[in-house]
Amino acid sequence: MEAKDYRETDVEGTEAVLIGEKGRLRNFGLFLQRRGSFTRASSVGFTFIELIIIITIIGILATVAVFKGWGSTNPNALKVAIDQVITDMRFAQTMAMAKSVYVQVSFTSGSRIYRLGDEARQLPSGVVAGATRTFSFNMLGEYPETTDGYLTLSVGTGTKRIQVYAKTGYAEEN
């Protein structure tokens, strides 16, 4: 290859002539030649101020994340409990129809434990039943009462209610 002269300028504006091949990376102290570039090399990395700002932002986000959940229960626990109980009530209906027997789902006031037939079940941490209630489903899957049945579940200050319709036995969040 043919040697050519390249002009480079350092950080202080001093100009120098470098001899070398075109496109070859050469470093002579403060002078840097890049593939036909005739200006000083761009700086790479972050400044000290940028690093401090990034660390501060990460610290603020971490603090918010820690304190958001501190001292409170899982915000989804009540929704999970509602879904779990409704699913178990529908399962009790299915069992009653399949076995041609009555199947009960029983709750005790202030307790996380409830019974589905002979089996004990547990609500998510912090969720309790609001009243002692028993829901019976007959061999047709019906809730054989004259009025709808209600069950209140609560966690902390939040409460939700499940309604079980008379005759049909259909359970849903109310």
N, C-alpha and C. Protein backbone atom coordinates (compact mmCIF):
# COMPACT_ATOMS: atom_id res chain seq x y z
N MET A 1 0.83 -1.18 0.00
CA MET A 1 0.00 0.00 0.00
C MET A 1 0.87 1.24 0.00
N GLU A 2 0.29 2.26 -0.45
CA GLU A 2 1.01 3.51 -0.59
C GLU A 2 0.89 4.34 0.68
N ALA A 3 1.99 4.86 1.17
CA ALA A 3 1.98 5.70 2.38
C ALA A 3 1.52 7.09 2.02
N LYS A 4 0.69 7.68 2.87
CA LYS A 4 0.18 9.03 2.66
C LYS A 4 0.38 9.83 3.93
N ASP A 5 0.40 11.12 3.77
CA ASP A 5 0.47 12.00 4.92
C ASP A 5 -0.95 12.37 5.33
N TYR A 6 -1.23 12.29 6.63
CA TYR A 6 -2.53 12.69 7.17
C TYR A 6 -2.32 13.79 8.18
N ARG A 7 -3.20 14.75 8.16
CA ARG A 7 -3.12 15.83 9.13
C ARG A 7 -4.10 15.52 10.27
N GLU A 8 -3.63 15.64 11.47
CA GLU A 8 -4.43 15.42 12.66
C GLU A 8 -4.31 16.62 13.57
N THR A 9 -5.36 16.85 14.35
CA THR A 9 -5.34 17.93 15.32
C THR A 9 -5.58 17.33 16.69
N ASP A 10 -4.79 17.71 17.69
CA ASP A 10 -4.98 17.16 19.03
C ASP A 10 -6.00 18.00 19.80
N VAL A 11 -6.19 17.67 21.04
CA VAL A 11 -7.18 18.32 21.88
C VAL A 11 -6.92 19.82 22.00
N GLU A 12 -5.70 20.22 22.02
CA GLU A 12 -5.35 21.63 22.19
C GLU A 12 -5.30 22.40 20.87
N GLY A 13 -5.61 21.73 19.78
CA GLY A 13 -5.62 22.41 18.49
C GLY A 13 -4.28 22.37 17.77
N THR A 14 -3.31 21.65 18.29
CA THR A 14 -2.01 21.53 17.64
C THR A 14 -2.14 20.57 16.48
N GLU A 15 -1.59 20.97 15.34
CA GLU A 15 -1.71 20.15 14.15
C GLU A 15 -0.43 19.33 13.97
N ALA A 16 -0.59 18.08 13.50
CA ALA A 16 0.57 17.23 13.27
C ALA A 16 0.35 16.46 11.98
N VAL A 17 1.43 15.99 11.41
CA VAL A 17 1.36 15.20 10.19
C VAL A 17 1.76 13.78 10.55
N LEU A 18 0.89 12.82 10.20
CA LEU A 18 1.15 11.42 10.46
C LEU A 18 1.35 10.71 9.14
N ILE A 19 2.28 9.80 9.12
CA ILE A 19 2.53 9.03 7.92
C ILE A 19 2.01 7.62 8.16
N GLY A 20 1.18 7.11 7.27
CA GLY A 20 0.66 5.77 7.46
C GLY A 20 -0.31 5.39 6.36
N GLU A 21 -0.89 4.21 6.48
CA GLU A 21 -1.80 3.69 5.48
C GLU A 21 -3.20 4.25 5.71
N LYS A 22 -3.91 4.47 4.63
CA LYS A 22 -5.27 5.01 4.71
C LYS A 22 -6.18 3.99 5.40
N GLY A 23 -7.00 4.47 6.32
CA GLY A 23 -7.96 3.63 6.99
C GLY A 23 -7.41 2.86 8.17
N ARG A 24 -6.16 2.96 8.46
CA ARG A 24 -5.58 2.21 9.55
C ARG A 24 -5.65 3.03 10.83
N LEU A 25 -5.99 2.38 11.93
CA LEU A 25 -6.08 3.08 13.20
C LEU A 25 -4.70 3.22 13.79
N ARG A 26 -4.28 4.47 14.06
CA ARG A 26 -2.95 4.71 14.62
C ARG A 26 -3.08 5.65 15.80
N ASN A 27 -2.36 5.37 16.84
CA ASN A 27 -2.42 6.18 18.03
C ASN A 27 -1.03 6.67 18.39
N PHE A 28 -0.86 7.97 18.44
CA PHE A 28 0.41 8.57 18.83
C PHE A 28 0.14 9.54 19.97
N GLY A 29 -0.05 9.02 21.16
CA GLY A 29 -0.31 9.89 22.30
C GLY A 29 -1.66 10.55 22.19
N LEU A 30 -1.68 11.88 22.01
CA LEU A 30 -2.93 12.62 21.92
C LEU A 30 -3.51 12.60 20.51
N PHE A 31 -2.75 12.10 19.55
CA PHE A 31 -3.22 12.09 18.17
C PHE A 31 -3.82 10.73 17.84
N LEU A 32 -4.98 10.74 17.23
CA LEU A 32 -5.65 9.51 16.88
C LEU A 32 -6.16 9.62 15.46
N GLN A 33 -5.82 8.65 14.64
CA GLN A 33 -6.28 8.66 13.26
C GLN A 33 -7.29 7.54 13.09
N ARG A 34 -8.45 7.83 12.52
CA ARG A 34 -9.48 6.83 12.27
C ARG A 34 -9.87 6.88 10.81
N ARG A 35 -9.82 5.84 10.14
CA ARG A 35 -10.28 5.63 8.77
C ARG A 35 -10.60 6.91 8.01
N GLY A 36 -9.64 7.69 7.72
CA GLY A 36 -9.83 8.88 6.91
C GLY A 36 -10.34 10.08 7.69
N SER A 37 -10.43 9.99 9.00
CA SER A 37 -10.90 11.10 9.81
C SER A 37 -9.77 12.09 10.02
N PHE A 38 -10.06 13.35 9.90
CA PHE A 38 -9.03 14.36 10.07
C PHE A 38 -9.33 15.26 11.27
N THR A 39 -10.20 14.80 12.16
CA THR A 39 -10.51 15.57 13.36
C THR A 39 -10.19 14.72 14.57
N ARG A 40 -10.25 15.32 15.74
CA ARG A 40 -9.90 14.56 16.94
C ARG A 40 -10.96 13.50 17.24
N ALA A 41 -10.59 12.46 17.92
CA ALA A 41 -11.50 11.35 18.22
C ALA A 41 -12.59 11.80 19.18
N SER A 42 -13.80 11.25 18.99
CA SER A 42 -14.89 11.59 19.89
C SER A 42 -14.68 10.89 21.23
N SER A 43 -15.14 11.54 22.29
CA SER A 43 -14.98 10.95 23.61
C SER A 43 -16.01 9.85 23.81
N VAL A 44 -15.65 8.83 24.54
CA VAL A 44 -16.51 7.70 24.78
C VAL A 44 -16.74 7.57 26.28
N GLY A 45 -17.98 7.26 26.69
CA GLY A 45 -18.27 7.08 28.11
C GLY A 45 -19.18 8.16 28.65
N PHE A 46 -19.32 8.17 29.98
CA PHE A 46 -20.20 9.11 30.65
C PHE A 46 -19.38 10.09 31.48
N THR A 47 -19.92 11.28 31.64
CA THR A 47 -19.27 12.24 32.52
C THR A 47 -19.65 11.91 33.96
N PHE A 48 -18.94 12.48 34.89
CA PHE A 48 -19.20 12.25 36.30
C PHE A 48 -20.61 12.72 36.67
N ILE A 49 -21.03 13.85 36.14
CA ILE A 49 -22.37 14.38 36.42
C ILE A 49 -23.45 13.42 35.91
N GLU A 50 -23.27 12.86 34.71
CA GLU A 50 -24.25 11.92 34.18
C GLU A 50 -24.36 10.68 35.07
N LEU A 51 -23.24 10.18 35.55
CA LEU A 51 -23.26 9.02 36.44
C LEU A 51 -23.98 9.33 37.74
N ILE A 52 -23.74 10.50 38.31
CA ILE A 52 -24.40 10.89 39.56
C ILE A 52 -25.91 10.99 39.35
N ILE A 53 -26.33 11.57 38.22
CA ILE A 53 -27.77 11.70 37.93
C ILE A 53 -28.41 10.33 37.79
N ILE A 54 -27.77 9.41 37.09
CA ILE A 54 -28.31 8.06 36.90
C ILE A 54 -28.41 7.33 38.23
N ILE A 55 -27.38 7.42 39.06
CA ILE A 55 -27.40 6.76 40.37
C ILE A 55 -28.51 7.34 41.24
N THR A 56 -28.71 8.66 41.17
CA THR A 56 -29.77 9.31 41.95
C THR A 56 -31.15 8.82 41.50
N ILE A 57 -31.37 8.73 40.20
CA ILE A 57 -32.66 8.26 39.68
C ILE A 57 -32.92 6.82 40.11
N ILE A 58 -31.91 5.97 40.01
CA ILE A 58 -32.06 4.57 40.43
C ILE A 58 -32.39 4.50 41.92
N GLY A 59 -31.73 5.33 42.72
CA GLY A 59 -32.01 5.37 44.16
C GLY A 59 -33.43 5.78 44.47
N ILE A 60 -33.93 6.79 43.76
CA ILE A 60 -35.30 7.26 43.98
C ILE A 60 -36.30 6.17 43.60
N LEU A 61 -36.09 5.52 42.45
CA LEU A 61 -36.99 4.45 42.02
C LEU A 61 -36.99 3.28 43.01
N ALA A 62 -35.81 2.93 43.51
CA ALA A 62 -35.72 1.83 44.48
C ALA A 62 -36.44 2.19 45.77
N THR A 63 -36.30 3.42 46.22
CA THR A 63 -36.97 3.86 47.44
C THR A 63 -38.48 3.81 47.28
N VAL A 64 -38.98 4.29 46.16
CA VAL A 64 -40.42 4.27 45.91
C VAL A 64 -40.93 2.83 45.88
N ALA A 65 -40.18 1.94 45.23
CA ALA A 65 -40.60 0.54 45.13
C ALA A 65 -40.65 -0.12 46.51
N VAL A 66 -39.69 0.19 47.37
CA VAL A 66 -39.65 -0.42 48.70
C VAL A 66 -40.79 0.10 49.56
N PHE A 67 -41.00 1.41 49.58
CA PHE A 67 -42.01 1.99 50.46
C PHE A 67 -43.43 1.78 49.95
N LYS A 68 -43.60 1.53 48.67
CA LYS A 68 -44.94 1.31 48.14
C LYS A 68 -45.57 0.06 48.75
N GLY A 69 -44.78 -0.98 48.90
CA GLY A 69 -45.31 -2.22 49.46
C GLY A 69 -45.06 -2.39 50.94
N TRP A 70 -44.37 -1.45 51.57
CA TRP A 70 -44.00 -1.58 52.96
C TRP A 70 -45.21 -1.39 53.86
N GLY A 71 -45.47 -2.32 54.73
CA GLY A 71 -46.55 -2.19 55.69
C GLY A 71 -47.92 -2.50 55.13
N SER A 72 -48.00 -2.92 53.91
CA SER A 72 -49.31 -3.26 53.35
C SER A 72 -49.29 -4.70 52.88
N THR A 73 -50.46 -5.26 52.75
CA THR A 73 -50.56 -6.63 52.26
C THR A 73 -50.57 -6.61 50.74
N ASN A 74 -50.51 -7.77 50.18
CA ASN A 74 -50.55 -7.90 48.73
C ASN A 74 -51.85 -7.30 48.20
N PRO A 75 -51.76 -6.29 47.33
CA PRO A 75 -52.98 -5.65 46.83
C PRO A 75 -53.84 -6.59 45.99
N ASN A 76 -53.26 -7.65 45.48
CA ASN A 76 -54.02 -8.60 44.66
C ASN A 76 -54.61 -9.74 45.48
N ALA A 77 -54.29 -9.81 46.77
CA ALA A 77 -54.72 -10.94 47.59
C ALA A 77 -56.24 -11.07 47.62
N LEU A 78 -56.94 -9.96 47.71
CA LEU A 78 -58.40 -10.01 47.77
C LEU A 78 -59.00 -10.52 46.46
N LYS A 79 -58.46 -10.06 45.34
CA LYS A 79 -58.94 -10.51 44.03
C LYS A 79 -58.65 -12.01 43.85
N VAL A 80 -57.47 -12.43 44.27
CA VAL A 80 -57.11 -13.85 44.18
C VAL A 80 -58.07 -14.68 45.04
N ALA A 81 -58.38 -14.20 46.24
CA ALA A 81 -59.29 -14.92 47.14
C ALA A 81 -60.69 -15.03 46.54
N ILE A 82 -61.18 -13.94 45.97
CA ILE A 82 -62.51 -13.94 45.35
C ILE A 82 -62.55 -14.99 44.23
N ASP A 83 -61.55 -14.95 43.36
CA ASP A 83 -61.50 -15.91 42.25
C ASP A 83 -61.41 -17.35 42.76
N GLN A 84 -60.63 -17.56 43.81
CA GLN A 84 -60.46 -18.90 44.39
C GLN A 84 -61.78 -19.42 44.95
N VAL A 85 -62.49 -18.59 45.70
CA VAL A 85 -63.75 -19.02 46.32
C VAL A 85 -64.82 -19.29 45.25
N ILE A 86 -64.91 -18.41 44.26
CA ILE A 86 -65.89 -18.63 43.18
C ILE A 86 -65.59 -19.92 42.44
N THR A 87 -64.32 -20.17 42.16
CA THR A 87 -63.92 -21.42 41.49
C THR A 87 -64.28 -22.63 42.34
N ASP A 88 -64.04 -22.54 43.65
CA ASP A 88 -64.37 -23.66 44.54
C ASP A 88 -65.87 -23.88 44.63
N MET A 89 -66.64 -22.80 44.60
CA MET A 89 -68.11 -22.96 44.63
C MET A 89 -68.61 -23.63 43.35
N ARG A 90 -68.04 -23.28 42.24
CA ARG A 90 -68.43 -23.93 40.97
C ARG A 90 -68.00 -25.39 40.96
N PHE A 91 -66.84 -25.66 41.57
CA PHE A 91 -66.38 -27.04 41.69
C PHE A 91 -67.33 -27.85 42.58
N ALA A 92 -67.80 -27.22 43.67
CA ALA A 92 -68.76 -27.89 44.56
C ALA A 92 -70.04 -28.22 43.82
N GLN A 93 -70.51 -27.30 42.96
CA GLN A 93 -71.70 -27.57 42.14
C GLN A 93 -71.47 -28.79 41.25
N THR A 94 -70.33 -28.81 40.59
CA THR A 94 -69.99 -29.91 39.68
C THR A 94 -69.91 -31.23 40.43
N MET A 95 -69.28 -31.23 41.61
CA MET A 95 -69.19 -32.45 42.42
C MET A 95 -70.57 -32.93 42.85
N ALA A 96 -71.43 -32.00 43.25
CA ALA A 96 -72.78 -32.36 43.69
C ALA A 96 -73.56 -33.02 42.55
N MET A 97 -73.43 -32.47 41.35
CA MET A 97 -74.13 -33.05 40.20
C MET A 97 -73.53 -34.39 39.80
N ALA A 98 -72.21 -34.51 39.84
CA ALA A 98 -71.55 -35.75 39.42
C ALA A 98 -71.82 -36.90 40.38
N LYS A 99 -71.89 -36.60 41.69
CA LYS A 99 -72.07 -37.65 42.69
C LYS A 99 -73.52 -37.77 43.18
N SER A 100 -74.39 -36.88 42.69
CA SER A 100 -75.80 -36.86 43.11
C SER A 100 -75.95 -36.75 44.63
N VAL A 101 -75.19 -35.85 45.21
CA VAL A 101 -75.24 -35.60 46.66
C VAL A 101 -75.19 -34.09 46.91
N TYR A 102 -75.48 -33.70 48.15
CA TYR A 102 -75.29 -32.31 48.54
C TYR A 102 -73.81 -32.08 48.86
N VAL A 103 -73.26 -30.97 48.40
CA VAL A 103 -71.88 -30.59 48.73
C VAL A 103 -71.92 -29.20 49.33
N GLN A 104 -71.22 -29.03 50.45
CA GLN A 104 -71.22 -27.76 51.15
C GLN A 104 -69.88 -27.05 51.06
N VAL A 105 -69.96 -25.72 51.03
CA VAL A 105 -68.77 -24.87 51.15
C VAL A 105 -69.04 -24.01 52.38
N SER A 106 -68.20 -24.16 53.43
CA SER A 106 -68.44 -23.51 54.72
C SER A 106 -67.33 -22.54 55.08
N PHE A 107 -67.74 -21.39 55.61
CA PHE A 107 -66.80 -20.34 56.02
C PHE A 107 -67.04 -19.99 57.49
N THR A 108 -65.95 -19.64 58.19
CA THR A 108 -66.04 -19.22 59.59
C THR A 108 -65.60 -17.77 59.68
N SER A 109 -66.36 -16.97 60.41
CA SER A 109 -66.09 -15.54 60.54
C SER A 109 -64.67 -15.29 61.08
N GLY A 110 -63.93 -14.42 60.40
CA GLY A 110 -62.59 -14.02 60.84
C GLY A 110 -61.51 -15.05 60.56
N SER A 111 -61.82 -16.09 59.80
CA SER A 111 -60.85 -17.17 59.55
C SER A 111 -60.43 -17.21 58.08
N ARG A 112 -59.19 -17.67 57.87
CA ARG A 112 -58.69 -17.89 56.51
C ARG A 112 -59.06 -19.28 56.00
N ILE A 113 -59.40 -20.17 56.92
CA ILE A 113 -59.68 -21.56 56.57
C ILE A 113 -61.17 -21.71 56.25
N TYR A 114 -61.47 -22.41 55.17
CA TYR A 114 -62.85 -22.76 54.85
C TYR A 114 -62.87 -24.19 54.36
N ARG A 115 -64.05 -24.76 54.28
CA ARG A 115 -64.16 -26.16 53.90
C ARG A 115 -64.96 -26.31 52.61
N LEU A 116 -64.44 -27.16 51.75
CA LEU A 116 -65.12 -27.55 50.52
C LEU A 116 -65.40 -29.03 50.67
N GLY A 117 -66.64 -29.37 51.02
CA GLY A 117 -66.95 -30.76 51.35
C GLY A 117 -66.20 -31.13 52.62
N ASP A 118 -65.38 -32.17 52.56
CA ASP A 118 -64.59 -32.60 53.71
C ASP A 118 -63.18 -32.02 53.70
N GLU A 119 -62.85 -31.31 52.66
CA GLU A 119 -61.48 -30.80 52.48
C GLU A 119 -61.34 -29.36 52.99
N ALA A 120 -60.29 -29.12 53.77
CA ALA A 120 -60.01 -27.76 54.26
C ALA A 120 -59.23 -26.99 53.20
N ARG A 121 -59.63 -25.78 52.96
CA ARG A 121 -58.96 -24.88 52.02
C ARG A 121 -58.51 -23.64 52.77
N GLN A 122 -57.60 -22.89 52.17
CA GLN A 122 -57.06 -21.70 52.84
C GLN A 122 -57.07 -20.51 51.90
N LEU A 123 -57.54 -19.37 52.41
CA LEU A 123 -57.52 -18.12 51.65
C LEU A 123 -56.11 -17.55 51.67
N PRO A 124 -55.77 -16.66 50.72
CA PRO A 124 -54.44 -16.03 50.72
C PRO A 124 -54.17 -15.27 52.03
N SER A 125 -52.92 -15.07 52.33
CA SER A 125 -52.50 -14.41 53.56
C SER A 125 -53.20 -13.06 53.76
N GLY A 126 -53.77 -12.88 54.94
CA GLY A 126 -54.42 -11.62 55.29
C GLY A 126 -55.89 -11.54 54.95
N VAL A 127 -56.39 -12.46 54.13
CA VAL A 127 -57.80 -12.43 53.71
C VAL A 127 -58.61 -13.30 54.67
N VAL A 128 -59.73 -12.76 55.16
CA VAL A 128 -60.59 -13.51 56.08
C VAL A 128 -62.05 -13.39 55.64
N ALA A 129 -62.84 -14.37 56.06
CA ALA A 129 -64.28 -14.35 55.80
C ALA A 129 -64.95 -13.39 56.78
N GLY A 130 -65.97 -12.68 56.30
CA GLY A 130 -66.64 -11.69 57.14
C GLY A 130 -67.70 -12.28 58.05
N ALA A 131 -68.24 -13.43 57.72
CA ALA A 131 -69.32 -14.04 58.52
C ALA A 131 -69.24 -15.55 58.39
N THR A 132 -69.86 -16.23 59.34
CA THR A 132 -69.95 -17.68 59.27
C THR A 132 -71.11 -18.02 58.33
N ARG A 133 -70.80 -18.71 57.24
CA ARG A 133 -71.80 -19.03 56.21
C ARG A 133 -71.54 -20.43 55.68
N THR A 134 -72.61 -21.09 55.31
CA THR A 134 -72.52 -22.38 54.63
C THR A 134 -73.37 -22.32 53.37
N PHE A 135 -72.76 -22.69 52.27
CA PHE A 135 -73.47 -22.74 50.98
C PHE A 135 -73.57 -24.20 50.58
N SER A 136 -74.79 -24.69 50.41
CA SER A 136 -75.02 -26.09 50.02
C SER A 136 -75.52 -26.12 48.58
N PHE A 137 -74.98 -27.08 47.83
CA PHE A 137 -75.41 -27.27 46.43
C PHE A 137 -75.99 -28.68 46.31
N ASN A 138 -77.18 -28.77 45.70
CA ASN A 138 -77.85 -30.07 45.59
C ASN A 138 -77.41 -30.82 44.34
N MET A 139 -78.03 -31.98 44.10
CA MET A 139 -77.62 -32.84 42.98
C MET A 139 -77.89 -32.23 41.61
N LEU A 140 -78.64 -31.13 41.57
CA LEU A 140 -78.85 -30.40 40.31
C LEU A 140 -77.91 -29.19 40.20
N GLY A 141 -77.04 -29.02 41.19
CA GLY A 141 -76.11 -27.89 41.18
C GLY A 141 -76.73 -26.60 41.67
N GLU A 142 -77.93 -26.71 42.25
CA GLU A 142 -78.64 -25.51 42.69
C GLU A 142 -78.26 -25.14 44.13
N TYR A 143 -78.43 -23.87 44.45
CA TYR A 143 -78.34 -23.38 45.82
C TYR A 143 -79.79 -23.28 46.28
N PRO A 144 -80.30 -24.30 46.99
CA PRO A 144 -81.75 -24.41 47.24
C PRO A 144 -82.24 -23.51 48.37
N GLU A 145 -82.08 -22.24 48.21
CA GLU A 145 -82.57 -21.27 49.19
C GLU A 145 -83.56 -20.35 48.48
N THR A 146 -84.35 -19.63 49.25
CA THR A 146 -85.33 -18.72 48.66
C THR A 146 -84.73 -17.36 48.35
N THR A 147 -83.61 -17.02 49.00
CA THR A 147 -82.94 -15.74 48.74
C THR A 147 -81.48 -16.00 48.40
N ASP A 148 -80.89 -15.03 47.73
CA ASP A 148 -79.48 -15.14 47.36
C ASP A 148 -78.61 -15.17 48.62
N GLY A 149 -77.48 -15.85 48.51
CA GLY A 149 -76.52 -15.89 49.62
C GLY A 149 -75.35 -14.98 49.33
N TYR A 150 -74.83 -14.37 50.38
CA TYR A 150 -73.70 -13.44 50.23
C TYR A 150 -72.58 -13.83 51.17
N LEU A 151 -71.36 -13.63 50.71
CA LEU A 151 -70.17 -13.85 51.53
C LEU A 151 -69.26 -12.66 51.34
N THR A 152 -68.82 -12.08 52.45
CA THR A 152 -67.90 -10.94 52.40
C THR A 152 -66.50 -11.43 52.77
N LEU A 153 -65.53 -11.07 51.94
CA LEU A 153 -64.12 -11.34 52.23
C LEU A 153 -63.44 -10.00 52.43
N SER A 154 -62.49 -9.95 53.36
CA SER A 154 -61.80 -8.68 53.61
C SER A 154 -60.32 -8.90 53.86
N VAL A 155 -59.56 -7.87 53.52
CA VAL A 155 -58.13 -7.82 53.79
C VAL A 155 -57.80 -6.37 54.12
N GLY A 156 -57.21 -6.14 55.29
CA GLY A 156 -56.92 -4.76 55.70
C GLY A 156 -58.19 -3.94 55.71
N THR A 157 -58.21 -2.87 54.92
CA THR A 157 -59.40 -2.01 54.85
C THR A 157 -60.28 -2.34 53.65
N GLY A 158 -59.85 -3.26 52.79
CA GLY A 158 -60.62 -3.59 51.60
C GLY A 158 -61.56 -4.75 51.83
N THR A 159 -62.74 -4.66 51.26
CA THR A 159 -63.71 -5.76 51.33
C THR A 159 -64.34 -5.97 49.96
N LYS A 160 -64.69 -7.22 49.69
CA LYS A 160 -65.41 -7.58 48.46
C LYS A 160 -66.46 -8.61 48.84
N ARG A 161 -67.47 -8.70 48.00
CA ARG A 161 -68.59 -9.57 48.31
C ARG A 161 -68.84 -10.53 47.16
N ILE A 162 -69.17 -11.76 47.52
CA ILE A 162 -69.55 -12.79 46.55
C ILE A 162 -71.05 -13.03 46.72
N GLN A 163 -71.75 -13.10 45.60
CA GLN A 163 -73.18 -13.39 45.62
C GLN A 163 -73.41 -14.76 45.00
N VAL A 164 -74.18 -15.59 45.71
CA VAL A 164 -74.58 -16.90 45.20
C VAL A 164 -76.09 -16.82 44.97
N TYR A 165 -76.50 -16.97 43.72
CA TYR A 165 -77.91 -16.82 43.36
C TYR A 165 -78.74 -18.02 43.82
N ALA A 166 -79.90 -17.69 44.39
CA ALA A 166 -80.83 -18.74 44.82
C ALA A 166 -81.29 -19.52 43.58
N LYS A 167 -81.54 -20.76 43.79
CA LYS A 167 -81.99 -21.71 42.76
C LYS A 167 -80.90 -22.10 41.76
N THR A 168 -80.24 -21.15 41.09
CA THR A 168 -79.24 -21.53 40.08
C THR A 168 -77.91 -21.92 40.71
N GLY A 169 -77.56 -21.32 41.84
CA GLY A 169 -76.29 -21.61 42.48
C GLY A 169 -75.11 -20.90 41.85
N TYR A 170 -75.39 -20.03 40.88
CA TYR A 170 -74.31 -19.31 40.20
C TYR A 170 -73.67 -18.33 41.18
N ALA A 171 -72.34 -18.34 41.26
CA ALA A 171 -71.60 -17.45 42.16
C ALA A 171 -70.80 -16.44 41.34
N GLU A 172 -70.83 -15.18 41.80
CA GLU A 172 -70.06 -14.14 41.13
C GLU A 172 -69.70 -13.04 42.12
N GLU A 173 -68.70 -12.26 41.74
CA GLU A 173 -68.30 -11.12 42.57
C GLU A 173 -69.38 -10.06 42.47
N ASN A 174 -69.74 -9.49 43.60
CA ASN A 174 -70.80 -8.49 43.62
C ASN A 174 -70.23 -7.19 44.15
